[in-house]
Amino acid sequence: MILISAVACGRGATPSAASVAASQASSASAPPAQISSDAPPPAAQTGGFDGAAAYDFTAKLVAFGPRPPGSDAIHHTQDYIIAQLKSFGCAVDTDDFTAQTPIGALEMKNIVAKLPGTGQGIILLLTHYDTLRAYDFVGAEDGGSSSGLMLEMARLLCRGEKRPNAVWIAFLDGEEAQVEWSDTDSVYGSRELAARLAVAGDLKRVRAVVLADMIGQKNLQIERDSSSTKWLTNLVWSTAARLGYKDIFVSQETSIDDDHRPFLTRDVPAVDIIDLEGYRAEGYWHTPQDTMDKLSPRSLAIVGHVILESVNQLVSR
């Protein structure tokens, strides 16, 4: 993802096996004191969403090391996500596709958990699980946090009853630019998913797209994305305010180019939930310092709670 006014990071060196191992050892999990000092609210207070479980899922993803498209690490990540979704009882679809990138053709995979509804509508939740192609970048916040959150969301929702509208949770490959962010070198998985849904005739069934990206950091402040669909943004932010999270979901605006773009360009309502500005200010964005110690189980619990309650409103429409 990128701020509209920002310049995306360029491609870095492919990490060595030794650097991957070092990353796994240093960033797979935070010390127990970190979790206890920033503890999430109990799941009973967040609709059943468990922020500590989302944090643990994130740690397991980060333990695979840097996960750029086509790497061994991302293949292990894909296997892990699919295995977890199936263990939750989710129906899982995968889409293996070849993306043409500035560094050549890359094999990518989208993974979609499908929770059927009693009606025809679909509420589509999105996250990306790949990481920037940069040296020693394990992407705890950028790619890891939202994917850990969506694994916990799938655990919770796949075991529940059918809703009036279906809920699909898509884990996307290839969000990051392979060289430099542009309309053609970015959001490969999201562009593929939107196109596939259009061809299959399912895109017209999508009532709303809710994208999570970079939502686990400490001192979280999520600004409204001005490019997102206004009524959907209002629904999410009013839900956050009702739940007591106005200090997290703030009223300031920014403009983000992200995985919601391919859906917005096809006139599908979409909202991006992201704190890119705050993470950039901390100096960790797209650096090897984007590690588990920067994340907060409390932040994951709060965003998960807001998305869950927003979904509950949307599926009833």
C-alpha atoms as a PDB file:
ATOM      1  CA  MET A   1       0.000   0.000   0.000  1.00  0.00           C
ATOM      2  CA  ILE A   2       1.080   3.598  -0.407  1.00  0.00           C
ATOM      3  CA  LEU A   3      -0.008   7.068   0.515  1.00  0.00           C
ATOM      4  CA  ILE A   4      -1.118   8.792  -2.672  1.00  0.00           C
ATOM      5  CA  SER A   5       1.549  11.448  -2.151  1.00  0.00           C
ATOM      6  CA  ALA A   6       4.255   9.001  -1.092  1.00  0.00           C
ATOM      7  CA  VAL A   7       6.936   7.219  -3.134  1.00  0.00           C
ATOM      8  CA  ALA A   8       7.005   3.440  -2.775  1.00  0.00           C
ATOM      9  CA  CYS A   9      10.178   1.660  -1.691  1.00  0.00           C
ATOM     10  CA  GLY A  10      12.206   0.015  -4.408  1.00  0.00           C
ATOM     11  CA  ARG A  11      13.172  -3.621  -4.570  1.00  0.00           C
ATOM     12  CA  GLY A  12      15.875  -4.864  -2.251  1.00  0.00           C
ATOM     13  CA  ALA A  13      18.197  -7.848  -2.319  1.00  0.00           C
ATOM     14  CA  THR A  14      16.737 -11.314  -1.945  1.00  0.00           C
ATOM     15  CA  PRO A  15      17.426 -12.456   1.635  1.00  0.00           C
ATOM     16  CA  SER A  16      19.847 -15.311   2.229  1.00  0.00           C
ATOM     17  CA  ALA A  17      18.901 -18.487   4.067  1.00  0.00           C
ATOM     18  CA  ALA A  18      20.999 -17.325   7.004  1.00  0.00           C
ATOM     19  CA  SER A  19      19.196 -13.992   7.217  1.00  0.00           C
ATOM     20  CA  VAL A  20      15.833 -15.756   7.056  1.00  0.00           C
ATOM     21  CA  ALA A  21      16.847 -18.022   9.931  1.00  0.00           C
ATOM     22  CA  ALA A  22      18.039 -15.033  11.944  1.00  0.00           C
ATOM     23  CA  SER A  23      14.768 -13.233  11.313  1.00  0.00           C
ATOM     24  CA  GLN A  24      12.776 -16.243  12.434  1.00  0.00           C
ATOM     25  CA  ALA A  25      14.763 -16.532  15.625  1.00  0.00           C
ATOM     26  CA  SER A  26      14.561 -12.833  16.494  1.00  0.00           C
ATOM     27  CA  SER A  27      10.988 -11.987  15.549  1.00  0.00           C
ATOM     28  CA  ALA A  28       8.819 -15.082  15.801  1.00  0.00           C
ATOM     29  CA  SER A  29       7.297 -13.928  19.081  1.00  0.00           C
ATOM     30  CA  ALA A  30       7.479 -11.121  21.601  1.00  0.00           C
ATOM     31  CA  PRO A  31       8.573 -11.643  25.210  1.00  0.00           C
ATOM     32  CA  PRO A  32       5.719 -12.637  27.550  1.00  0.00           C
ATOM     33  CA  ALA A  33       6.035  -9.264  29.324  1.00  0.00           C
ATOM     34  CA  GLN A  34       5.110  -7.525  26.068  1.00  0.00           C
ATOM     35  CA  ILE A  35       1.816  -9.393  25.840  1.00  0.00           C
ATOM     36  CA  SER A  36       0.932  -8.886  29.503  1.00  0.00           C
ATOM     37  CA  SER A  37       1.846  -5.175  29.491  1.00  0.00           C
ATOM     38  CA  ASP A  38      -0.393  -4.502  26.488  1.00  0.00           C
ATOM     39  CA  ALA A  39      -3.087  -7.067  27.125  1.00  0.00           C
ATOM     40  CA  PRO A  40      -6.186  -7.156  24.925  1.00  0.00           C
ATOM     41  CA  PRO A  41      -9.680  -6.936  26.395  1.00  0.00           C
ATOM     42  CA  PRO A  42     -11.223 -10.357  27.088  1.00  0.00           C
ATOM     43  CA  ALA A  43     -12.882 -11.990  24.101  1.00  0.00           C
ATOM     44  CA  ALA A  44     -16.173 -11.849  26.004  1.00  0.00           C
ATOM     45  CA  GLN A  45     -15.994  -8.054  25.633  1.00  0.00           C
ATOM     46  CA  THR A  46     -15.143  -8.089  21.919  1.00  0.00           C
ATOM     47  CA  GLY A  47     -17.874 -10.293  20.491  1.00  0.00           C
ATOM     48  CA  GLY A  48     -15.702 -13.383  20.863  1.00  0.00           C
ATOM     49  CA  PHE A  49     -12.752 -11.987  18.890  1.00  0.00           C
ATOM     50  CA  ASP A  50      -9.522 -12.970  20.675  1.00  0.00           C
ATOM     51  CA  GLY A  51      -6.742 -10.403  20.257  1.00  0.00           C
ATOM     52  CA  ALA A  52      -4.167 -12.681  21.889  1.00  0.00           C
ATOM     53  CA  ALA A  53      -5.004 -15.444  19.394  1.00  0.00           C
ATOM     54  CA  ALA A  54      -4.686 -12.972  16.496  1.00  0.00           C
ATOM     55  CA  TYR A  55      -1.274 -11.963  17.876  1.00  0.00           C
ATOM     56  CA  ASP A  56      -0.204 -15.619  18.042  1.00  0.00           C
ATOM     57  CA  PHE A  57      -1.352 -16.242  14.462  1.00  0.00           C
ATOM     58  CA  THR A  58       0.682 -13.210  13.386  1.00  0.00           C
ATOM     59  CA  ALA A  59       3.769 -14.494  15.197  1.00  0.00           C
ATOM     60  CA  LYS A  60       3.497 -17.826  13.397  1.00  0.00           C
ATOM     61  CA  LEU A  61       3.283 -16.079  10.019  1.00  0.00           C
ATOM     62  CA  VAL A  62       6.284 -13.881  10.831  1.00  0.00           C
ATOM     63  CA  ALA A  63       8.277 -16.944  11.893  1.00  0.00           C
ATOM     64  CA  PHE A  64       8.369 -18.067   8.255  1.00  0.00           C
ATOM     65  CA  GLY A  65      10.623 -15.057   7.570  1.00  0.00           C
ATOM     66  CA  PRO A  66      10.477 -12.743   4.533  1.00  0.00           C
ATOM     67  CA  ARG A  67       7.552 -13.774   2.321  1.00  0.00           C
ATOM     68  CA  PRO A  68       7.851 -12.176  -1.135  1.00  0.00           C
ATOM     69  CA  PRO A  69       5.891 -13.850  -3.947  1.00  0.00           C
ATOM     70  CA  GLY A  70       7.441 -17.025  -5.281  1.00  0.00           C
ATOM     71  CA  SER A  71       9.683 -17.632  -2.262  1.00  0.00           C
ATOM     72  CA  ASP A  72       9.920 -20.851  -0.277  1.00  0.00           C
ATOM     73  CA  ALA A  73       8.752 -18.940   2.793  1.00  0.00           C
ATOM     74  CA  ILE A  74       5.543 -17.798   1.130  1.00  0.00           C
ATOM     75  CA  HIS A  75       4.813 -21.355   0.015  1.00  0.00           C
ATOM     76  CA  HIS A  76       5.093 -22.480   3.648  1.00  0.00           C
ATOM     77  CA  THR A  77       2.870 -19.535   4.617  1.00  0.00           C
ATOM     78  CA  GLN A  78       0.231 -20.576   2.092  1.00  0.00           C
ATOM     79  CA  ASP A  79       0.234 -24.143   3.418  1.00  0.00           C
ATOM     80  CA  TYR A  80      -0.149 -22.828   6.968  1.00  0.00           C
ATOM     81  CA  ILE A  81      -3.050 -20.481   6.133  1.00  0.00           C
ATOM     82  CA  ILE A  82      -4.911 -23.202   4.232  1.00  0.00           C
ATOM     83  CA  ALA A  83      -4.367 -25.748   7.014  1.00  0.00           C
ATOM     84  CA  GLN A  84      -5.598 -23.316   9.662  1.00  0.00           C
ATOM     85  CA  LEU A  85      -8.712 -22.372   7.685  1.00  0.00           C
ATOM     86  CA  LYS A  86      -9.599 -26.024   7.129  1.00  0.00           C
ATOM     87  CA  SER A  87      -9.060 -26.778  10.828  1.00  0.00           C
ATOM     88  CA  PHE A  88     -11.636 -24.044  11.608  1.00  0.00           C
ATOM     89  CA  GLY A  89     -14.154 -25.773   9.372  1.00  0.00           C
ATOM     90  CA  CYS A  90     -13.985 -23.158   6.608  1.00  0.00           C
ATOM     91  CA  ALA A  91     -14.630 -24.027   2.976  1.00  0.00           C
ATOM     92  CA  VAL A  92     -11.440 -22.964   1.175  1.00  0.00           C
ATOM     93  CA  ASP A  93     -10.887 -21.990  -2.464  1.00  0.00           C
ATOM     94  CA  THR A  94      -7.443 -21.290  -3.903  1.00  0.00           C
ATOM     95  CA  ASP A  95      -6.517 -19.457  -7.086  1.00  0.00           C
ATOM     96  CA  ASP A  96      -3.022 -20.099  -8.453  1.00  0.00           C
ATOM     97  CA  PHE A  97      -2.150 -17.519 -11.073  1.00  0.00           C
ATOM     98  CA  THR A  98       0.867 -16.136 -12.887  1.00  0.00           C
ATOM     99  CA  ALA A  99       1.531 -12.410 -12.501  1.00  0.00           C
ATOM    100  CA  GLN A 100       3.608 -10.508 -15.022  1.00  0.00           C
ATOM    101  CA  THR A 101       5.909  -8.240 -13.001  1.00  0.00           C
ATOM    102  CA  PRO A 102       8.934  -6.012 -13.740  1.00  0.00           C
ATOM    103  CA  ILE A 103      11.189  -8.854 -12.554  1.00  0.00           C
ATOM    104  CA  GLY A 104       9.455 -11.466 -14.688  1.00  0.00           C
ATOM    105  CA  ALA A 105       6.559 -13.901 -14.308  1.00  0.00           C
ATOM    106  CA  LEU A 106       5.818 -14.843 -10.703  1.00  0.00           C
ATOM    107  CA  GLU A 107       3.556 -17.611  -9.468  1.00  0.00           C
ATOM    108  CA  MET A 108       1.070 -16.297  -6.880  1.00  0.00           C
ATOM    109  CA  LYS A 109      -1.839 -17.719  -4.898  1.00  0.00           C
ATOM    110  CA  ASN A 110      -5.014 -16.186  -3.473  1.00  0.00           C
ATOM    111  CA  ILE A 111      -6.715 -18.100  -0.669  1.00  0.00           C
ATOM    112  CA  VAL A 112     -10.411 -17.515   0.046  1.00  0.00           C
ATOM    113  CA  ALA A 113     -12.389 -18.842   3.001  1.00  0.00           C
ATOM    114  CA  LYS A 114     -16.088 -18.919   2.051  1.00  0.00           C
ATOM    115  CA  LEU A 115     -18.785 -18.813   4.711  1.00  0.00           C
ATOM    116  CA  PRO A 116     -22.129 -19.361   2.997  1.00  0.00           C
ATOM    117  CA  GLY A 117     -25.159 -17.213   3.748  1.00  0.00           C
ATOM    118  CA  THR A 118     -28.876 -17.773   3.385  1.00  0.00           C
ATOM    119  CA  GLY A 119     -29.092 -15.021   0.737  1.00  0.00           C
ATOM    120  CA  GLN A 120     -27.206 -14.076  -2.407  1.00  0.00           C
ATOM    121  CA  GLY A 121     -25.070 -11.195  -1.088  1.00  0.00           C
ATOM    122  CA  ILE A 122     -21.373 -11.401  -0.185  1.00  0.00           C
ATOM    123  CA  ILE A 123     -19.418  -9.381   2.370  1.00  0.00           C
ATOM    124  CA  LEU A 124     -15.768  -9.629   1.309  1.00  0.00           C
ATOM    125  CA  LEU A 125     -12.955  -9.211   3.832  1.00  0.00           C
ATOM    126  CA  LEU A 126      -9.408  -8.704   2.518  1.00  0.00           C
ATOM    127  CA  THR A 127      -5.840  -8.956   3.778  1.00  0.00           C
ATOM    128  CA  HIS A 128      -2.481  -9.522   2.076  1.00  0.00           C
ATOM    129  CA  TYR A 129       0.043 -12.013   3.412  1.00  0.00           C
ATOM    130  CA  ASP A 130       3.068 -11.317   1.184  1.00  0.00           C
ATOM    131  CA  THR A 131       5.926  -9.040   2.227  1.00  0.00           C
ATOM    132  CA  LEU A 132       8.008  -6.458   0.436  1.00  0.00           C
ATOM    133  CA  ARG A 133      10.872  -7.930  -1.589  1.00  0.00           C
ATOM    134  CA  ALA A 134      13.529  -6.361   0.633  1.00  0.00           C
ATOM    135  CA  TYR A 135      16.456  -7.598   2.677  1.00  0.00           C
ATOM    136  CA  ASP A 136      15.504  -9.186   6.017  1.00  0.00           C
ATOM    137  CA  PHE A 137      11.952  -7.759   5.936  1.00  0.00           C
ATOM    138  CA  VAL A 138       9.582 -10.045   7.895  1.00  0.00           C
ATOM    139  CA  GLY A 139       6.555  -7.708   7.829  1.00  0.00           C
ATOM    140  CA  ALA A 140       5.036  -8.193  11.271  1.00  0.00           C
ATOM    141  CA  GLU A 141       2.813  -5.146  10.840  1.00  0.00           C
ATOM    142  CA  ASP A 142       2.798  -4.901   7.040  1.00  0.00           C
ATOM    143  CA  GLY A 143       1.197  -8.125   5.920  1.00  0.00           C
ATOM    144  CA  GLY A 144       1.437 -10.069   9.163  1.00  0.00           C
ATOM    145  CA  SER A 145      -0.918  -8.215  11.506  1.00  0.00           C
ATOM    146  CA  SER A 146      -3.935  -8.088   9.209  1.00  0.00           C
ATOM    147  CA  SER A 147      -3.468 -11.723   8.164  1.00  0.00           C
ATOM    148  CA  GLY A 148      -3.250 -12.841  11.800  1.00  0.00           C
ATOM    149  CA  LEU A 149      -6.411 -10.840  12.463  1.00  0.00           C
ATOM    150  CA  MET A 150      -8.239 -12.455   9.538  1.00  0.00           C
ATOM    151  CA  LEU A 151      -7.215 -15.941  10.663  1.00  0.00           C
ATOM    152  CA  GLU A 152      -8.812 -15.231  14.031  1.00  0.00           C
ATOM    153  CA  MET A 153     -11.850 -13.764  12.227  1.00  0.00           C
ATOM    154  CA  ALA A 154     -12.145 -16.983  10.204  1.00  0.00           C
ATOM    155  CA  ARG A 155     -11.805 -19.114  13.352  1.00  0.00           C
ATOM    156  CA  LEU A 156     -14.689 -17.228  14.904  1.00  0.00           C
ATOM    157  CA  LEU A 157     -16.996 -16.912  11.899  1.00  0.00           C
ATOM    158  CA  CYS A 158     -16.539 -20.349  10.327  1.00  0.00           C
ATOM    159  CA  ARG A 159     -17.860 -21.985  13.472  1.00  0.00           C
ATOM    160  CA  GLY A 160     -20.960 -19.792  13.644  1.00  0.00           C
ATOM    161  CA  GLU A 161     -24.393 -20.022  12.092  1.00  0.00           C
ATOM    162  CA  LYS A 162     -25.233 -18.971   8.542  1.00  0.00           C
ATOM    163  CA  ARG A 163     -25.907 -15.282   8.088  1.00  0.00           C
ATOM    164  CA  PRO A 164     -28.291 -13.500   5.695  1.00  0.00           C
ATOM    165  CA  ASN A 165     -25.304 -12.691   3.457  1.00  0.00           C
ATOM    166  CA  ALA A 166     -22.208 -14.815   2.879  1.00  0.00           C
ATOM    167  CA  VAL A 167     -18.854 -13.727   4.281  1.00  0.00           C
ATOM    168  CA  TRP A 168     -15.751 -14.426   2.212  1.00  0.00           C
ATOM    169  CA  ILE A 169     -12.294 -13.820   3.686  1.00  0.00           C
ATOM    170  CA  ALA A 170      -9.566 -13.444   1.048  1.00  0.00           C
ATOM    171  CA  PHE A 171      -5.862 -13.788   1.824  1.00  0.00           C
ATOM    172  CA  LEU A 172      -4.153 -12.055  -1.087  1.00  0.00           C
ATOM    173  CA  ASP A 173      -0.722 -12.558  -2.590  1.00  0.00           C
ATOM    174  CA  GLY A 174       1.312  -9.874  -4.353  1.00  0.00           C
ATOM    175  CA  GLU A 175       0.084  -6.668  -2.724  1.00  0.00           C
ATOM    176  CA  GLU A 176       3.580  -5.190  -2.586  1.00  0.00           C
ATOM    177  CA  ALA A 177       5.382  -3.699  -5.565  1.00  0.00           C
ATOM    178  CA  GLN A 178       8.144  -5.911  -6.923  1.00  0.00           C
ATOM    179  CA  VAL A 179      10.206  -2.898  -8.001  1.00  0.00           C
ATOM    180  CA  GLU A 180       8.340   0.406  -7.605  1.00  0.00           C
ATOM    181  CA  TRP A 181       4.706   1.045  -6.746  1.00  0.00           C
ATOM    182  CA  SER A 182       2.484   1.791  -9.736  1.00  0.00           C
ATOM    183  CA  ASP A 183      -0.924   0.808 -11.054  1.00  0.00           C
ATOM    184  CA  THR A 184       0.668  -2.181 -12.784  1.00  0.00           C
ATOM    185  CA  ASP A 185       3.304  -3.084 -10.181  1.00  0.00           C
ATOM    186  CA  SER A 186       1.134  -3.539  -7.081  1.00  0.00           C
ATOM    187  CA  VAL A 187      -2.005  -5.262  -5.725  1.00  0.00           C
ATOM    188  CA  TYR A 188      -1.580  -8.264  -8.051  1.00  0.00           C
ATOM    189  CA  GLY A 189      -3.737 -10.556  -5.919  1.00  0.00           C
ATOM    190  CA  SER A 190      -6.530  -8.030  -5.503  1.00  0.00           C
ATOM    191  CA  ARG A 191      -6.625  -7.298  -9.231  1.00  0.00           C
ATOM    192  CA  GLU A 192      -6.769 -11.037  -9.913  1.00  0.00           C
ATOM    193  CA  LEU A 193      -9.572 -11.590  -7.388  1.00  0.00           C
ATOM    194  CA  ALA A 194     -11.696  -8.710  -8.699  1.00  0.00           C
ATOM    195  CA  ALA A 195     -11.289  -9.930 -12.280  1.00  0.00           C
ATOM    196  CA  ARG A 196     -12.101 -13.542 -11.372  1.00  0.00           C
ATOM    197  CA  LEU A 197     -15.224 -12.496  -9.485  1.00  0.00           C
ATOM    198  CA  ALA A 198     -16.336 -10.384 -12.439  1.00  0.00           C
ATOM    199  CA  VAL A 199     -15.879 -13.246 -14.902  1.00  0.00           C
ATOM    200  CA  ALA A 200     -17.717 -15.666 -12.599  1.00  0.00           C
ATOM    201  CA  GLY A 201     -20.608 -13.230 -12.171  1.00  0.00           C
ATOM    202  CA  ASP A 202     -20.009 -12.996  -8.403  1.00  0.00           C
ATOM    203  CA  LEU A 203     -18.753  -9.409  -8.303  1.00  0.00           C
ATOM    204  CA  LYS A 204     -22.294  -8.030  -8.577  1.00  0.00           C
ATOM    205  CA  ARG A 205     -23.146 -10.025  -5.422  1.00  0.00           C
ATOM    206  CA  VAL A 206     -20.463  -8.264  -3.351  1.00  0.00           C
ATOM    207  CA  ARG A 207     -22.257  -5.770  -1.115  1.00  0.00           C
ATOM    208  CA  ALA A 208     -19.136  -4.412   0.580  1.00  0.00           C
ATOM    209  CA  VAL A 209     -15.370  -4.924   0.723  1.00  0.00           C
ATOM    210  CA  VAL A 210     -13.574  -4.397   4.047  1.00  0.00           C
ATOM    211  CA  LEU A 211      -9.783  -4.321   3.761  1.00  0.00           C
ATOM    212  CA  ALA A 212      -7.476  -4.562   6.788  1.00  0.00           C
ATOM    213  CA  ASP A 213      -3.805  -3.658   6.363  1.00  0.00           C
ATOM    214  CA  MET A 214      -1.312  -2.532   9.034  1.00  0.00           C
ATOM    215  CA  ILE A 215      -3.623  -2.597  12.039  1.00  0.00           C
ATOM    216  CA  GLY A 216      -1.596  -4.195  14.857  1.00  0.00           C
ATOM    217  CA  GLN A 217       0.908  -1.568  15.909  1.00  0.00           C
ATOM    218  CA  LYS A 218       1.115   0.119  19.273  1.00  0.00           C
ATOM    219  CA  ASN A 219      -0.253   3.680  19.535  1.00  0.00           C
ATOM    220  CA  LEU A 220      -2.658   2.821  16.725  1.00  0.00           C
ATOM    221  CA  GLN A 221      -4.548   5.694  15.078  1.00  0.00           C
ATOM    222  CA  ILE A 222      -6.513   4.824  11.973  1.00  0.00           C
ATOM    223  CA  GLU A 223      -7.442   7.746   9.772  1.00  0.00           C
ATOM    224  CA  ARG A 224     -10.374   7.746   7.358  1.00  0.00           C
ATOM    225  CA  ASP A 225      -9.300   6.961   3.805  1.00  0.00           C
ATOM    226  CA  SER A 226     -10.796   9.594   1.519  1.00  0.00           C
ATOM    227  CA  SER A 227     -10.697   7.252  -1.483  1.00  0.00           C
ATOM    228  CA  SER A 228     -12.860   4.632   0.284  1.00  0.00           C
ATOM    229  CA  THR A 229     -16.642   4.533  -0.165  1.00  0.00           C
ATOM    230  CA  LYS A 230     -18.091   7.177   2.143  1.00  0.00           C
ATOM    231  CA  TRP A 231     -21.181   5.341   3.443  1.00  0.00           C
ATOM    232  CA  LEU A 232     -19.109   2.254   4.228  1.00  0.00           C
ATOM    233  CA  THR A 233     -16.414   4.311   5.956  1.00  0.00           C
ATOM    234  CA  ASN A 234     -19.121   6.025   7.996  1.00  0.00           C
ATOM    235  CA  LEU A 235     -20.531   2.646   9.014  1.00  0.00           C
ATOM    236  CA  VAL A 236     -17.159   1.375  10.244  1.00  0.00           C
ATOM    237  CA  TRP A 237     -16.211   4.590  12.043  1.00  0.00           C
ATOM    238  CA  SER A 238     -19.623   4.968  13.686  1.00  0.00           C
ATOM    239  CA  THR A 239     -19.360   1.348  14.836  1.00  0.00           C
ATOM    240  CA  ALA A 240     -15.940   2.079  16.348  1.00  0.00           C
ATOM    241  CA  ALA A 241     -17.323   5.148  18.129  1.00  0.00           C
ATOM    242  CA  ARG A 242     -20.272   3.171  19.516  1.00  0.00           C
ATOM    243  CA  LEU A 243     -17.857   0.545  20.867  1.00  0.00           C
ATOM    244  CA  GLY A 244     -15.731   3.220  22.558  1.00  0.00           C
ATOM    245  CA  TYR A 245     -12.776   3.325  20.146  1.00  0.00           C
ATOM    246  CA  LYS A 246     -12.882   6.927  18.919  1.00  0.00           C
ATOM    247  CA  ASP A 247      -9.265   7.335  20.042  1.00  0.00           C
ATOM    248  CA  ILE A 248      -8.243   4.587  17.594  1.00  0.00           C
ATOM    249  CA  PHE A 249     -10.565   5.287  14.649  1.00  0.00           C
ATOM    250  CA  VAL A 250      -9.957   9.037  14.407  1.00  0.00           C
ATOM    251  CA  SER A 251     -11.705  11.672  12.306  1.00  0.00           C
ATOM    252  CA  GLN A 252      -8.650  12.896  10.354  1.00  0.00           C
ATOM    253  CA  GLU A 253      -8.437  11.907   6.692  1.00  0.00           C
ATOM    254  CA  THR A 254      -5.710  10.528   4.475  1.00  0.00           C
ATOM    255  CA  SER A 255      -5.670   8.973   1.000  1.00  0.00           C
ATOM    256  CA  ILE A 256      -4.334   5.458   0.465  1.00  0.00           C
ATOM    257  CA  ASP A 257      -3.746   3.331  -2.631  1.00  0.00           C
ATOM    258  CA  ASP A 258      -4.166  -0.280  -1.543  1.00  0.00           C
ATOM    259  CA  ASP A 259      -5.880  -3.607  -2.233  1.00  0.00           C
ATOM    260  CA  HIS A 260      -9.306  -1.938  -2.281  1.00  0.00           C
ATOM    261  CA  ARG A 261      -8.450  -0.075  -5.520  1.00  0.00           C
ATOM    262  CA  PRO A 262      -9.450  -2.846  -7.992  1.00  0.00           C
ATOM    263  CA  PHE A 263     -12.876  -3.022  -6.359  1.00  0.00           C
ATOM    264  CA  LEU A 264     -13.409   0.732  -6.220  1.00  0.00           C
ATOM    265  CA  THR A 265     -12.587   1.004  -9.927  1.00  0.00           C
ATOM    266  CA  ARG A 266     -15.318  -1.591 -10.576  1.00  0.00           C
ATOM    267  CA  ASP A 267     -17.824   0.424  -8.496  1.00  0.00           C
ATOM    268  CA  VAL A 268     -17.889  -2.020  -5.583  1.00  0.00           C
ATOM    269  CA  PRO A 269     -18.171  -0.292  -2.165  1.00  0.00           C
ATOM    270  CA  ALA A 270     -14.883  -0.696  -0.295  1.00  0.00           C
ATOM    271  CA  VAL A 271     -13.142   0.659   2.799  1.00  0.00           C
ATOM    272  CA  ASP A 272      -9.479   0.484   3.833  1.00  0.00           C
ATOM    273  CA  ILE A 273      -8.674   0.146   7.547  1.00  0.00           C
ATOM    274  CA  ILE A 274      -4.991   1.045   7.879  1.00  0.00           C
ATOM    275  CA  ASP A 275      -2.524   3.095   9.927  1.00  0.00           C
ATOM    276  CA  LEU A 276       0.218   3.638   7.364  1.00  0.00           C
ATOM    277  CA  GLU A 277       0.881   7.244   8.399  1.00  0.00           C
ATOM    278  CA  GLY A 278       1.578   6.329  12.018  1.00  0.00           C
ATOM    279  CA  TYR A 279       3.909   3.471  11.154  1.00  0.00           C
ATOM    280  CA  ARG A 280       5.802   5.609   8.684  1.00  0.00           C
ATOM    281  CA  ALA A 281       6.263   8.232  11.398  1.00  0.00           C
ATOM    282  CA  GLU A 282       7.682   5.593  13.744  1.00  0.00           C
ATOM    283  CA  GLY A 283      10.294   4.762  11.092  1.00  0.00           C
ATOM    284  CA  TYR A 284       9.559   1.018  10.883  1.00  0.00           C
ATOM    285  CA  TRP A 285       7.624   0.834   7.619  1.00  0.00           C
ATOM    286  CA  HIS A 286       9.384  -1.323   5.000  1.00  0.00           C
ATOM    287  CA  THR A 287      12.437  -1.828   7.220  1.00  0.00           C
ATOM    288  CA  PRO A 288      13.877  -4.918   8.984  1.00  0.00           C
ATOM    289  CA  GLN A 289      12.596  -3.354  12.228  1.00  0.00           C
ATOM    290  CA  ASP A 290       8.981  -4.262  11.325  1.00  0.00           C
ATOM    291  CA  THR A 291       8.997  -7.078  13.899  1.00  0.00           C
ATOM    292  CA  MET A 292       6.653  -8.582  16.479  1.00  0.00           C
ATOM    293  CA  ASP A 293       7.792  -6.330  19.324  1.00  0.00           C
ATOM    294  CA  LYS A 294       6.154  -3.379  17.519  1.00  0.00           C
ATOM    295  CA  LEU A 295       2.710  -4.992  17.712  1.00  0.00           C
ATOM    296  CA  SER A 296       0.004  -4.859  20.353  1.00  0.00           C
ATOM    297  CA  PRO A 297      -2.535  -7.636  21.041  1.00  0.00           C
ATOM    298  CA  ARG A 298      -4.839  -4.861  22.259  1.00  0.00           C
ATOM    299  CA  SER A 299      -4.735  -3.119  18.867  1.00  0.00           C
ATOM    300  CA  LEU A 300      -5.543  -6.394  17.122  1.00  0.00           C
ATOM    301  CA  ALA A 301      -8.462  -7.005  19.497  1.00  0.00           C
ATOM    302  CA  ILE A 302      -9.912  -3.529  18.951  1.00  0.00           C
ATOM    303  CA  VAL A 303      -9.722  -3.638  15.148  1.00  0.00           C
ATOM    304  CA  GLY A 304     -11.045  -7.191  15.133  1.00  0.00           C
ATOM    305  CA  HIS A 305     -13.975  -6.137  17.312  1.00  0.00           C
ATOM    306  CA  VAL A 306     -14.819  -3.221  15.010  1.00  0.00           C
ATOM    307  CA  ILE A 307     -14.617  -5.331  11.848  1.00  0.00           C
ATOM    308  CA  LEU A 308     -16.695  -8.106  13.429  1.00  0.00           C
ATOM    309  CA  GLU A 309     -19.455  -5.712  14.492  1.00  0.00           C
ATOM    310  CA  SER A 310     -19.345  -3.975  11.100  1.00  0.00           C
ATOM    311  CA  VAL A 311     -19.743  -7.356   9.391  1.00  0.00           C
ATOM    312  CA  ASN A 312     -22.702  -8.152  11.620  1.00  0.00           C
ATOM    313  CA  GLN A 313     -24.381  -4.958  10.438  1.00  0.00           C
ATOM    314  CA  LEU A 314     -23.525  -5.535   6.785  1.00  0.00           C
ATOM    315  CA  VAL A 315     -24.696  -9.150   6.607  1.00  0.00           C
ATOM    316  CA  SER A 316     -28.100  -8.129   7.920  1.00  0.00           C
ATOM    317  CA  ARG A 317     -28.670  -5.524   5.212  1.00  0.00           C
END
